[in-house]
Amino acid sequence: MSVAGSGRAAGAPCRHPGARSRSVLRQTRTDFRLMQALCFCWMRVPVLRGGFGRGGWMGVVLVMLLGAAVPLHAQQVIPLTLEGAVDRAMQGSYRVRQLRLGIERTRSRLRAERAGLKSKVYMNLRVPEIAAISDNKWNSTLRQYEIVRENTRRWQMNVAIRQPVVLFGYPTNGYLSLNNTVYRYAQLGDEGGAGLDVQYYNRYFIRFEQPLFQPNGLKNAIEDAELNLEREELAFQEDIVQMLDDIADDYYDLFELAYKQVLFQRQVDDLERAAQLATERVRQDTSRAIEVSQVRVELANARERVSQARSNYRLAASRMKQRLNLDEADSLVVDPNPHVRPVDVDLEQAVAYGRSLRPQLRKLAIQRRKDEIDVNNARGWDSFRANLEVTYGRETQDPRFDELWERPTNSYSIGLYAYIPIWDWGRRRARIQAEQISLRKTELFIEETEREIRTDIANAIQNLEEYEQRAITMEENLQMARDIVAASMAQYRSGDISILDLLQSIGRQEDTALNFLTTYLGYRKALLSLQKLTYYDFERDMPLLRRFEIDGLAGM
């Protein structure tokens, strides 16, 4: 039996959702045709078009009534399951949208870092560099300083194609570049007249730069971007599972209210049958008239519980519709038919799932690797380092621009530059120790988490087995309680038991059904708790997040 959030009257037949939707659609089409017919009459019949006399007012009233009869939004009956609720929540969740944007942002950053492994073409210009200043310079001939005025014009262009050096897929932190430098240098006279000296210069050459004894900044930047992307994806998985847990809590709250509504309605039906039997007995023996009153009191209380359950269900369904971004006019249908299906869970297999599928350990491993990179960078900070730079090319210098590509000469340079720290009062050592302590803390967190995973999963499995056995027992007890009520009805009809015995058996059936509901919900929540710890669906024998694969975001 299904319960809808539309407040159906007690005892009314429950139609199939598809039949109800077709009925609403047919009614909408009929009302629309009536509206068309009325508009046709308004245009054709003078009594309807003639001002606001009696006929005019009749036309206005008919238009208003038929217009109100056309629904603006046809009501939808939505059968709700836990999986369907999660799907709808993901489609409209702002948190999921934010996480998807966060993943796309880190992917863009990773693409930017990886693009650094490819060639880069750039140009530097001086257009122009003008200098008309005086400065004191040493004259070795006169062996004294003298003031020399400089009045120059320099136009320069540098074009370079720079490529990181990658050996066997490993960036070496070095760069190889093709360069071309061209400039025009003019020294003017003191009065700013014609140029006294004009020189053109052209050089094309290859440059190799390689840092030595330093952290590989290019490799570390790419790896850090990859780790950030993986951490964002793991955070997305954690939020999906947390959303599943939150939706499950709301769904089972709605399930509980739907079950109680059906349970109390069943109790009303049993008490109505008991009232009929009591009325028949009073006709035979008027001294037992109090029995009818006793049944009516219990029946009134049961009907009140039904009304309260419907009210609670309507409020809970409204909250669920708000959370799932559904229209308030829609009706949520929950099938409160609990059935316990035993699930076999192996402890070692569950622990393996918890360690491999659960993001917690992987996130800690990512943090450990980032800490190792920080230790490596700290060791390279303010330490001995060297830079090797080698260039080789051809160059030409000539007063005429047309002669720049004629008779070039070889040019080369080799430079090895080193930095040697001597004393820093232990600053570098303290910095390295601080990063090493952070690394050690992360390793301790990993050890602690591995132990907690095994302990938590073992407790969750034991809790699941206990609730499973209790739920199976209570399901059997509920069937026996229903059989007892049926037998008590027959015994009361034959006069073998009193009305109090019959009411007591009906009350025991209600208590048993409520106890079964409690154990069943405990079983479902214990199973959800185990799924949250292992990220594995043991009912369907598949990973819990197979339907929420992160790889599906690649096409965003």
Protein backbone atom coordinates (compact mmCIF):
# COMPACT_ATOMS: atom_id res chain seq x y z
CA MET A 1 0.00 0.00 0.00
CA SER A 2 1.36 3.44 -0.94
CA VAL A 3 0.83 6.70 0.86
CA ALA A 4 0.72 10.04 -0.98
CA GLY A 5 1.20 13.48 0.46
CA SER A 6 -2.08 14.77 -0.98
CA GLY A 7 -4.20 14.04 2.10
CA ARG A 8 -6.52 11.33 0.62
CA ALA A 9 -9.56 10.62 2.77
CA ALA A 10 -9.64 7.51 4.90
CA GLY A 11 -10.96 4.49 3.09
CA ALA A 12 -10.82 6.16 -0.35
CA PRO A 13 -9.51 3.91 -3.11
CA CYS A 14 -5.86 4.53 -4.08
CA ARG A 15 -5.55 4.88 -7.82
CA HIS A 16 -2.46 4.09 -9.79
CA PRO A 17 -0.23 7.20 -10.31
CA GLY A 18 -0.37 6.80 -14.09
CA ALA A 19 -4.16 6.58 -14.10
CA ARG A 20 -4.39 9.64 -11.89
CA SER A 21 -2.09 11.64 -14.17
CA ARG A 22 -4.13 10.63 -17.25
CA SER A 23 -7.32 11.70 -15.44
CA VAL A 24 -5.85 15.13 -14.67
CA LEU A 25 -4.72 15.49 -18.29
CA ARG A 26 -8.17 14.61 -19.65
CA GLN A 27 -9.80 17.11 -17.26
CA THR A 28 -7.36 19.83 -18.38
CA ARG A 29 -8.14 19.18 -22.06
CA THR A 30 -11.90 19.26 -21.38
CA ASP A 31 -11.67 22.56 -19.49
CA PHE A 32 -9.57 24.06 -22.27
CA ARG A 33 -12.17 23.07 -24.90
CA LEU A 34 -14.91 24.63 -22.79
CA MET A 35 -12.86 27.80 -22.57
CA GLN A 36 -12.51 27.87 -26.37
CA ALA A 37 -16.26 27.37 -26.83
CA LEU A 38 -17.01 30.22 -24.43
CA CYS A 39 -14.64 32.58 -26.23
CA PHE A 40 -16.35 31.66 -29.52
CA CYS A 41 -19.76 32.47 -28.00
CA TRP A 42 -18.42 35.76 -26.66
CA MET A 43 -17.36 36.78 -30.15
CA ARG A 44 -20.55 35.56 -31.90
CA VAL A 45 -23.49 36.09 -29.47
CA PRO A 46 -24.52 39.77 -29.05
CA VAL A 47 -25.99 39.22 -25.58
CA LEU A 48 -22.54 38.26 -24.32
CA ARG A 49 -20.78 41.14 -26.08
CA GLY A 50 -23.35 43.79 -25.16
CA GLY A 51 -21.83 45.90 -22.43
CA PHE A 52 -22.26 45.05 -18.75
CA GLY A 53 -25.98 44.36 -18.80
CA ARG A 54 -27.44 41.12 -17.56
CA GLY A 55 -26.03 39.19 -20.53
CA GLY A 56 -22.66 40.90 -20.20
CA TRP A 57 -22.36 40.08 -16.52
CA MET A 58 -23.35 36.47 -17.22
CA GLY A 59 -20.58 36.23 -19.79
CA VAL A 60 -18.00 37.68 -17.40
CA VAL A 61 -19.01 35.28 -14.63
CA LEU A 62 -18.88 32.28 -16.97
CA VAL A 63 -15.42 33.30 -18.21
CA MET A 64 -14.14 33.66 -14.62
CA LEU A 65 -15.57 30.31 -13.54
CA LEU A 66 -14.25 28.38 -16.50
CA GLY A 67 -10.92 30.20 -16.31
CA ALA A 68 -10.57 29.14 -12.70
CA ALA A 69 -11.41 25.56 -13.69
CA VAL A 70 -8.32 25.36 -15.95
CA PRO A 71 -5.34 24.41 -13.74
CA LEU A 72 -2.19 26.42 -14.29
CA HIS A 73 -0.01 23.46 -13.37
CA ALA A 74 -1.17 19.86 -13.58
CA GLN A 75 -0.39 17.99 -10.38
CA GLN A 76 2.23 15.25 -10.69
CA VAL A 77 2.27 12.10 -8.62
CA ILE A 78 5.93 11.21 -8.01
CA PRO A 79 6.77 7.73 -6.68
CA LEU A 80 9.70 8.41 -4.36
CA THR A 81 12.54 6.00 -3.64
CA LEU A 82 15.87 6.62 -1.94
CA GLU A 83 17.77 6.42 -5.23
CA GLY A 84 15.32 8.74 -6.95
CA ALA A 85 15.56 11.26 -4.11
CA VAL A 86 19.38 11.27 -4.38
CA ASP A 87 19.23 11.75 -8.17
CA ARG A 88 16.83 14.68 -7.86
CA ALA A 89 18.89 16.24 -5.06
CA MET A 90 22.07 16.05 -7.16
CA GLN A 91 20.38 17.70 -10.12
CA GLY A 92 19.36 20.76 -8.14
CA SER A 93 22.02 20.91 -5.41
CA TYR A 94 23.99 24.15 -5.20
CA ARG A 95 26.69 22.34 -3.24
CA VAL A 96 27.20 19.87 -6.11
CA ARG A 97 27.40 22.75 -8.58
CA GLN A 98 30.04 24.46 -6.45
CA LEU A 99 32.08 21.27 -6.22
CA ARG A 100 31.87 20.73 -9.98
CA LEU A 101 33.12 24.29 -10.54
CA GLY A 102 35.93 23.67 -8.04
CA ILE A 103 36.99 20.57 -9.98
CA GLU A 104 36.89 22.47 -13.26
CA ARG A 105 38.99 25.26 -11.71
CA THR A 106 41.72 22.85 -10.55
CA ARG A 107 41.67 21.12 -13.93
CA SER A 108 42.28 24.46 -15.61
CA ARG A 109 45.20 25.11 -13.26
CA LEU A 110 46.63 21.68 -14.08
CA ARG A 111 46.31 22.39 -17.81
CA ALA A 112 48.14 25.67 -17.24
CA GLU A 113 51.01 23.92 -15.43
CA ARG A 114 51.27 21.20 -18.09
CA ALA A 115 51.29 23.84 -20.81
CA GLY A 116 54.53 25.06 -19.19
CA LEU A 117 56.22 21.94 -20.62
CA LYS A 118 55.61 23.19 -24.15
CA SER A 119 57.30 25.88 -26.19
CA LYS A 120 56.86 29.52 -25.37
CA VAL A 121 57.34 32.31 -27.93
CA TYR A 122 57.77 35.87 -26.75
CA MET A 123 59.28 39.22 -27.73
CA ASN A 124 60.93 42.02 -25.77
CA LEU A 125 61.04 45.52 -27.22
CA ARG A 126 62.75 48.82 -26.49
CA VAL A 127 60.92 51.36 -28.64
CA PRO A 128 62.88 53.44 -27.93
CA GLU A 129 65.28 53.83 -25.03
CA ILE A 130 66.35 57.48 -24.91
CA ALA A 131 69.16 58.71 -22.69
CA ALA A 132 70.41 62.33 -22.51
CA ILE A 133 72.21 62.45 -19.17
CA SER A 134 75.60 63.29 -17.71
CA ASP A 135 77.62 61.01 -15.46
CA ASN A 136 81.06 60.99 -13.91
CA LYS A 137 83.43 58.39 -15.29
CA TRP A 138 87.05 57.52 -14.68
CA ASN A 139 89.53 58.61 -17.34
CA SER A 140 92.48 56.26 -17.19
CA THR A 141 94.60 58.54 -19.38
CA LEU A 142 94.15 61.61 -17.19
CA ARG A 143 93.88 59.42 -14.10
CA GLN A 144 90.90 61.36 -12.84
CA TYR A 145 87.10 61.44 -12.94
CA GLU A 146 85.42 63.62 -15.52
CA ILE A 147 81.81 64.40 -16.37
CA VAL A 148 80.71 62.77 -19.60
CA ARG A 149 77.39 63.51 -21.27
CA GLU A 150 75.54 60.71 -22.99
CA ASN A 151 72.97 61.39 -25.69
CA THR A 152 71.82 58.12 -27.23
CA ARG A 153 68.83 56.51 -28.94
CA ARG A 154 68.40 52.75 -28.77
CA TRP A 155 65.82 50.65 -30.63
CA GLN A 156 65.99 46.95 -29.76
CA MET A 157 64.01 43.76 -30.39
CA ASN A 158 64.55 40.34 -28.79
CA VAL A 159 62.61 37.33 -30.11
CA ALA A 160 62.88 33.96 -28.34
CA ILE A 161 61.41 30.45 -28.58
CA ARG A 162 61.90 28.87 -25.17
CA GLN A 163 61.39 25.16 -24.51
CA PRO A 164 61.77 23.30 -21.18
CA VAL A 165 64.16 20.37 -21.41
CA VAL A 166 62.26 17.10 -20.90
CA LEU A 167 64.16 13.80 -20.90
CA PHE A 168 62.09 10.59 -21.11
CA GLY A 169 59.01 12.45 -19.89
CA TYR A 170 60.87 13.97 -16.92
CA PRO A 171 61.32 17.77 -16.80
CA THR A 172 64.93 18.60 -15.87
CA ASN A 173 64.16 22.18 -14.73
CA GLY A 174 66.39 23.42 -17.56
CA TYR A 175 65.49 25.44 -20.66
CA LEU A 176 66.69 25.50 -24.25
CA SER A 177 65.87 28.53 -26.40
CA LEU A 178 66.38 30.00 -29.84
CA ASN A 179 67.01 33.76 -29.71
CA ASN A 180 67.46 36.67 -32.07
CA THR A 181 68.54 40.13 -30.94
CA VAL A 182 68.53 43.16 -33.25
CA TYR A 183 69.10 46.75 -32.22
CA ARG A 184 70.00 50.19 -33.53
CA TYR A 185 72.25 52.34 -31.36
CA ALA A 186 72.75 56.02 -32.17
CA GLN A 187 74.98 58.52 -30.34
CA LEU A 188 74.06 62.12 -31.06
CA GLY A 189 76.14 65.24 -31.00
CA ASP A 190 76.09 67.73 -28.13
CA GLU A 191 73.71 70.06 -29.99
CA GLY A 192 71.25 67.28 -30.89
CA GLY A 193 72.02 67.46 -34.59
CA ALA A 194 72.71 64.62 -36.97
CA GLY A 195 73.88 61.34 -35.52
CA LEU A 196 77.61 61.20 -35.05
CA ASP A 197 77.66 57.42 -34.71
CA VAL A 198 75.04 54.84 -35.69
CA GLN A 199 75.56 51.13 -35.17
CA TYR A 200 73.34 48.16 -36.02
CA TYR A 201 73.69 44.84 -34.27
CA ASN A 202 72.21 41.39 -35.01
CA ARG A 203 72.77 38.14 -33.16
CA TYR A 204 70.96 34.80 -33.47
CA PHE A 205 72.00 32.12 -31.02
CA ILE A 206 71.03 29.09 -28.94
CA ARG A 207 70.91 29.37 -25.15
CA PHE A 208 70.91 26.52 -22.62
CA GLU A 209 70.10 27.23 -18.96
CA GLN A 210 70.26 24.57 -16.26
CA PRO A 211 69.84 25.16 -12.50
CA LEU A 212 71.99 22.83 -10.39
CA PHE A 213 71.56 21.62 -6.80
CA GLN A 214 68.06 23.14 -6.61
CA PRO A 215 64.53 21.72 -6.24
CA ASN A 216 62.87 20.96 -9.56
CA GLY A 217 60.33 23.77 -9.50
CA LEU A 218 58.67 22.85 -12.79
CA LYS A 219 58.13 19.20 -11.83
CA ASN A 220 56.92 20.10 -8.32
CA ALA A 221 54.43 22.65 -9.66
CA ILE A 222 52.87 20.08 -12.04
CA GLU A 223 52.71 17.40 -9.37
CA ASP A 224 51.16 19.81 -6.88
CA ALA A 225 48.46 20.74 -9.43
CA GLU A 226 47.74 17.03 -10.04
CA LEU A 227 47.42 16.40 -6.31
CA ASN A 228 45.07 19.36 -5.92
CA LEU A 229 42.83 18.03 -8.68
CA GLU A 230 42.68 14.58 -7.11
CA ARG A 231 41.88 16.09 -3.73
CA GLU A 232 39.01 18.10 -5.24
CA GLU A 233 37.61 14.94 -6.82
CA LEU A 234 37.84 13.08 -3.51
CA ALA A 235 36.06 15.96 -1.78
CA PHE A 236 33.32 15.65 -4.39
CA GLN A 237 32.95 11.95 -3.56
CA GLU A 238 32.76 12.67 0.17
CA ASP A 239 30.08 15.30 -0.34
CA ILE A 240 28.05 12.93 -2.52
CA VAL A 241 28.12 10.27 0.19
CA GLN A 242 27.27 12.84 2.86
CA MET A 243 24.36 14.03 0.71
CA LEU A 244 23.23 10.41 0.34
CA ASP A 245 23.32 10.04 4.12
CA ASP A 246 21.34 13.26 4.69
CA ILE A 247 18.76 12.39 2.03
CA ALA A 248 18.44 8.90 3.51
CA ASP A 249 17.65 10.37 6.94
CA ASP A 250 14.90 12.55 5.47
CA TYR A 251 13.59 9.72 3.28
CA TYR A 252 13.33 7.25 6.15
CA ASP A 253 11.63 9.89 8.30
CA LEU A 254 9.05 10.15 5.52
CA PHE A 255 8.95 6.36 5.26
CA GLU A 256 8.28 6.10 9.00
CA LEU A 257 5.34 8.51 8.81
CA ALA A 258 3.91 6.71 5.77
CA TYR A 259 4.20 3.38 7.57
CA LYS A 260 2.48 4.76 10.66
CA GLN A 261 -0.31 6.16 8.50
CA VAL A 262 -0.92 2.72 7.00
CA LEU A 263 -0.56 1.05 10.41
CA PHE A 264 -3.08 3.34 12.13
CA GLN A 265 -5.48 2.98 9.22
CA ARG A 266 -5.24 -0.81 9.56
CA GLN A 267 -6.00 -0.42 13.27
CA VAL A 268 -9.05 1.71 12.43
CA ASP A 269 -10.26 -1.01 10.06
CA ASP A 270 -9.81 -3.69 12.76
CA LEU A 271 -11.61 -1.58 15.35
CA GLU A 272 -14.48 -0.90 12.94
CA ARG A 273 -14.88 -4.65 12.47
CA ALA A 274 -14.72 -5.07 16.25
CA ALA A 275 -17.40 -2.38 16.64
CA GLN A 276 -19.66 -4.25 14.21
CA LEU A 277 -19.16 -7.47 16.16
CA ALA A 278 -19.83 -5.67 19.47
CA THR A 279 -23.03 -4.16 18.04
CA GLU A 280 -24.24 -7.58 16.98
CA ARG A 281 -23.55 -8.99 20.44
CA VAL A 282 -25.35 -6.12 22.17
CA ARG A 283 -28.42 -6.88 20.08
CA GLN A 284 -28.33 -10.36 21.54
CA ASP A 285 -27.41 -9.28 25.08
CA THR A 286 -28.20 -5.65 26.03
CA SER A 287 -26.30 -5.99 29.31
CA ARG A 288 -23.07 -5.82 27.31
CA ALA A 289 -23.77 -2.37 25.85
CA ILE A 290 -20.61 -1.01 27.49
CA GLU A 291 -18.54 -3.06 25.07
CA VAL A 292 -19.69 -0.88 22.17
CA SER A 293 -18.65 2.23 24.08
CA GLN A 294 -15.25 0.73 24.83
CA VAL A 295 -14.65 -0.03 21.16
CA ARG A 296 -15.85 3.41 20.08
CA VAL A 297 -13.41 5.10 22.46
CA GLU A 298 -10.51 3.09 21.00
CA LEU A 299 -11.79 3.76 17.49
CA ALA A 300 -11.92 7.53 18.09
CA ASN A 301 -8.36 7.46 19.41
CA ALA A 302 -7.20 5.43 16.39
CA ARG A 303 -8.84 7.85 13.96
CA GLU A 304 -7.14 10.74 15.71
CA ARG A 305 -3.78 8.98 15.29
CA VAL A 306 -4.54 8.55 11.58
CA SER A 307 -5.30 12.28 11.24
CA GLN A 308 -2.14 13.21 13.11
CA ALA A 309 -0.06 10.82 10.99
CA ARG A 310 -1.46 12.35 7.79
CA SER A 311 -0.71 15.84 9.02
CA ASN A 312 2.85 14.87 9.96
CA TYR A 313 3.34 13.15 6.61
CA ARG A 314 2.08 16.20 4.74
CA LEU A 315 4.54 18.47 6.56
CA ALA A 316 7.45 16.07 6.06
CA ALA A 317 6.56 15.68 2.36
CA SER A 318 6.50 19.47 1.98
CA ARG A 319 10.00 19.73 3.47
CA MET A 320 11.21 16.96 1.18
CA LYS A 321 9.77 18.72 -1.88
CA GLN A 322 11.53 21.92 -0.90
CA ARG A 323 14.82 20.05 -0.55
CA LEU A 324 14.40 18.33 -3.92
CA ASN A 325 13.25 21.55 -5.65
CA LEU A 326 9.87 20.07 -6.55
CA ASP A 327 6.64 21.95 -7.09
CA GLU A 328 4.49 22.24 -3.98
CA ALA A 329 1.47 21.01 -5.94
CA ASP A 330 3.20 17.69 -6.68
CA SER A 331 2.42 14.63 -4.59
CA LEU A 332 5.14 12.37 -3.18
CA VAL A 333 4.25 8.69 -2.96
CA VAL A 334 6.23 6.44 -0.62
CA ASP A 335 5.62 2.70 -0.55
CA PRO A 336 5.87 1.76 3.17
CA ASN A 337 6.39 -1.95 2.61
CA PRO A 338 9.37 -2.90 4.77
CA HIS A 339 11.06 -6.18 4.05
CA VAL A 340 14.35 -7.40 5.48
CA ARG A 341 16.76 -8.94 2.97
CA PRO A 342 19.75 -10.49 4.76
CA VAL A 343 23.14 -9.23 3.62
CA ASP A 344 26.34 -11.21 4.11
CA VAL A 345 29.37 -9.02 4.78
CA ASP A 346 32.91 -10.33 5.16
CA LEU A 347 35.01 -8.29 7.58
CA GLU A 348 38.30 -8.53 5.67
CA GLN A 349 36.64 -7.68 2.37
CA ALA A 350 34.81 -4.73 3.95
CA VAL A 351 38.08 -3.44 5.45
CA ALA A 352 39.73 -3.74 2.03
CA TYR A 353 36.89 -1.72 0.50
CA GLY A 354 37.21 0.87 3.27
CA ARG A 355 40.91 1.32 2.57
CA SER A 356 40.71 1.33 -1.23
CA LEU A 357 37.38 3.05 -1.99
CA ARG A 358 37.08 5.46 0.92
CA PRO A 359 38.71 8.83 0.11
CA GLN A 360 40.05 9.45 3.62
CA LEU A 361 43.26 7.43 3.31
CA ARG A 362 43.93 8.69 -0.20
CA LYS A 363 43.50 12.30 0.93
CA LEU A 364 46.03 11.68 3.71
CA ALA A 365 48.43 10.12 1.19
CA ILE A 366 48.05 13.25 -0.94
CA GLN A 367 48.80 15.42 2.07
CA ARG A 368 51.88 13.32 2.85
CA ARG A 369 53.20 13.77 -0.69
CA LYS A 370 52.59 17.53 -0.52
CA ASP A 371 54.49 17.60 2.78
CA GLU A 372 57.39 15.74 1.13
CA ILE A 373 57.46 18.38 -1.61
CA ASP A 374 57.50 21.10 1.05
CA VAL A 375 60.47 19.39 2.77
CA ASN A 376 62.30 19.25 -0.57
CA ASN A 377 61.62 22.94 -1.23
CA ALA A 378 62.74 23.85 2.29
CA ARG A 379 66.05 22.06 1.76
CA GLY A 380 66.61 24.07 -1.41
CA TRP A 381 65.77 27.38 0.25
CA ASP A 382 68.89 29.51 0.93
CA SER A 383 71.16 26.55 0.19
CA PHE A 384 74.14 26.05 -2.11
CA ARG A 385 73.00 26.42 -5.70
CA ALA A 386 74.49 26.92 -9.14
CA ASN A 387 73.29 27.97 -12.58
CA LEU A 388 74.90 26.89 -15.82
CA GLU A 389 74.34 29.04 -18.90
CA VAL A 390 75.77 28.32 -22.33
CA THR A 391 75.14 30.26 -25.56
CA TYR A 392 76.38 29.79 -29.11
CA GLY A 393 75.46 31.70 -32.24
CA ARG A 394 76.41 34.17 -34.94
CA GLU A 395 76.56 37.95 -34.72
CA THR A 396 77.14 40.98 -36.92
CA GLN A 397 77.80 44.64 -36.18
CA ASP A 398 77.77 47.22 -38.95
CA PRO A 399 76.89 50.90 -39.51
CA ARG A 400 74.58 49.86 -42.33
CA PHE A 401 71.44 47.88 -41.72
CA ASP A 402 71.66 46.08 -45.08
CA GLU A 403 74.96 44.50 -44.06
CA LEU A 404 73.71 42.86 -40.85
CA TRP A 405 73.28 39.44 -42.47
CA GLU A 406 76.60 39.57 -44.28
CA ARG A 407 79.85 38.14 -42.90
CA PRO A 408 78.61 37.03 -39.43
CA THR A 409 81.14 35.84 -36.90
CA ASN A 410 80.87 33.12 -34.28
CA SER A 411 79.89 34.13 -30.77
CA TYR A 412 79.57 32.04 -27.63
CA SER A 413 79.51 32.31 -23.88
CA ILE A 414 79.79 29.90 -20.95
CA GLY A 415 78.92 30.87 -17.42
CA LEU A 416 78.65 28.97 -14.16
CA TYR A 417 77.20 31.01 -11.35
CA ALA A 418 77.11 29.74 -7.78
CA TYR A 419 75.60 30.87 -4.49
CA ILE A 420 77.26 29.64 -1.28
CA PRO A 421 75.56 30.39 2.07
CA ILE A 422 78.00 30.74 4.95
CA TRP A 423 76.01 31.47 8.11
CA ASP A 424 72.32 32.14 8.81
CA TRP A 425 72.02 31.40 12.55
CA GLY A 426 70.21 28.10 11.95
CA ARG A 427 67.33 29.62 9.99
CA ARG A 428 67.42 27.09 7.14
CA ARG A 429 67.75 24.14 9.51
CA ALA A 430 64.76 25.29 11.58
CA ARG A 431 62.67 25.70 8.44
CA ILE A 432 63.52 22.15 7.33
CA GLN A 433 62.68 20.77 10.80
CA ALA A 434 59.28 22.47 10.75
CA GLU A 435 58.38 20.85 7.41
CA GLN A 436 59.66 17.47 8.61
CA ILE A 437 57.43 17.70 11.70
CA SER A 438 54.41 18.37 9.46
CA LEU A 439 55.32 15.27 7.44
CA ARG A 440 55.60 13.16 10.58
CA LYS A 441 52.21 14.38 11.83
CA THR A 442 50.59 13.31 8.56
CA GLU A 443 52.19 9.87 8.82
CA LEU A 444 50.80 9.48 12.34
CA PHE A 445 47.34 10.46 11.07
CA ILE A 446 47.62 7.75 8.43
CA GLU A 447 48.51 5.08 11.02
CA GLU A 448 45.67 6.18 13.28
CA THR A 449 43.15 6.25 10.42
CA GLU A 450 44.07 2.73 9.27
CA ARG A 451 43.36 1.38 12.76
CA GLU A 452 40.13 3.37 13.09
CA ILE A 453 38.87 2.11 9.74
CA ARG A 454 39.16 -1.51 10.83
CA THR A 455 37.58 -0.85 14.23
CA ASP A 456 34.71 1.23 12.85
CA ILE A 457 33.91 -1.28 10.12
CA ALA A 458 33.96 -4.19 12.58
CA ASN A 459 31.55 -2.36 14.89
CA ALA A 460 29.32 -1.42 11.95
CA ILE A 461 29.14 -5.03 10.76
CA GLN A 462 28.28 -6.26 14.26
CA ASN A 463 25.60 -3.57 14.59
CA LEU A 464 24.18 -4.53 11.17
CA GLU A 465 24.01 -8.22 12.07
CA GLU A 466 22.24 -7.45 15.36
CA TYR A 467 19.62 -5.20 13.74
CA GLU A 468 19.18 -7.67 10.88
CA GLN A 469 18.40 -10.55 13.25
CA ARG A 470 16.10 -8.38 15.37
CA ALA A 471 14.25 -7.09 12.30
CA ILE A 472 13.74 -10.61 10.93
CA THR A 473 12.40 -11.74 14.32
CA MET A 474 10.07 -8.76 14.61
CA GLU A 475 8.79 -9.31 11.07
CA GLU A 476 7.83 -12.84 12.04
CA ASN A 477 6.26 -11.58 15.28
CA LEU A 478 4.21 -9.03 13.34
CA GLN A 479 2.74 -11.76 11.14
CA MET A 480 1.87 -13.77 14.26
CA ALA A 481 0.23 -10.71 15.84
CA ARG A 482 -1.93 -10.26 12.73
CA ASP A 483 -2.92 -13.93 12.87
CA ILE A 484 -3.79 -13.51 16.55
CA VAL A 485 -6.06 -10.55 15.75
CA ALA A 486 -7.86 -12.55 13.05
CA ALA A 487 -8.29 -15.46 15.47
CA SER A 488 -9.45 -13.11 18.25
CA MET A 489 -12.12 -11.68 15.94
CA ALA A 490 -13.49 -15.19 15.36
CA GLN A 491 -13.31 -16.03 19.07
CA TYR A 492 -15.11 -12.83 20.07
CA ARG A 493 -17.82 -13.51 17.48
CA SER A 494 -18.36 -16.94 19.03
CA GLY A 495 -18.28 -15.52 22.58
CA ASP A 496 -15.11 -17.31 23.71
CA ILE A 497 -13.27 -14.07 24.72
CA SER A 498 -14.30 -10.66 25.99
CA ILE A 499 -14.06 -7.34 24.17
CA LEU A 500 -11.10 -6.37 26.35
CA ASP A 501 -9.20 -9.42 25.13
CA LEU A 502 -9.94 -8.44 21.53
CA LEU A 503 -8.86 -4.82 22.09
CA GLN A 504 -5.73 -6.05 23.80
CA SER A 505 -4.78 -8.23 20.81
CA ILE A 506 -5.35 -5.27 18.47
CA GLY A 507 -3.18 -3.10 20.71
CA ARG A 508 -0.44 -5.75 20.76
CA GLN A 509 -0.52 -5.82 16.97
CA GLU A 510 0.09 -2.05 16.92
CA ASP A 511 2.95 -2.32 19.42
CA THR A 512 4.52 -5.15 17.45
CA ALA A 513 4.26 -3.20 14.18
CA LEU A 514 5.89 -0.14 15.78
CA ASN A 515 8.69 -2.31 17.21
CA PHE A 516 9.22 -3.86 13.80
CA LEU A 517 9.38 -0.37 12.27
CA THR A 518 12.01 0.67 14.83
CA THR A 519 14.20 -2.35 14.19
CA TYR A 520 13.76 -2.11 10.41
CA LEU A 521 14.82 1.55 10.37
CA GLY A 522 17.75 0.65 12.61
CA TYR A 523 18.71 -2.07 10.14
CA ARG A 524 18.52 0.32 7.18
CA LYS A 525 20.55 2.99 8.95
CA ALA A 526 23.14 0.42 10.06
CA LEU A 527 23.49 -0.64 6.43
CA LEU A 528 23.88 2.98 5.36
CA SER A 529 26.51 3.51 8.05
CA LEU A 530 28.49 0.53 6.73
CA GLN A 531 28.19 1.87 3.18
CA LYS A 532 29.48 5.25 4.33
CA LEU A 533 32.51 3.60 5.95
CA THR A 534 33.34 1.35 2.98
CA TYR A 535 31.90 3.24 -0.02
CA TYR A 536 30.45 -0.09 -1.16
CA ASP A 537 26.84 -1.14 -1.66
CA PHE A 538 26.65 -4.68 -0.27
CA GLU A 539 23.00 -5.07 -1.28
CA ARG A 540 23.78 -4.57 -4.98
CA ASP A 541 27.39 -5.80 -4.74
CA MET A 542 28.86 -2.72 -6.42
CA PRO A 543 30.82 0.41 -5.43
CA LEU A 544 28.55 3.00 -3.92
CA LEU A 545 29.71 5.79 -6.25
CA ARG A 546 29.64 3.94 -9.56
CA ARG A 547 26.70 6.07 -10.63
CA PHE A 548 28.50 9.26 -9.53
CA GLU A 549 31.79 8.77 -11.39
CA ILE A 550 34.07 11.83 -11.28
CA ASP A 551 35.30 11.08 -14.83
CA GLY A 552 31.88 12.09 -16.06
CA LEU A 553 32.80 15.73 -15.35
CA ALA A 554 35.40 15.84 -18.06
CA GLY A 555 32.93 17.12 -20.62
CA MET A 556 31.69 20.06 -18.56
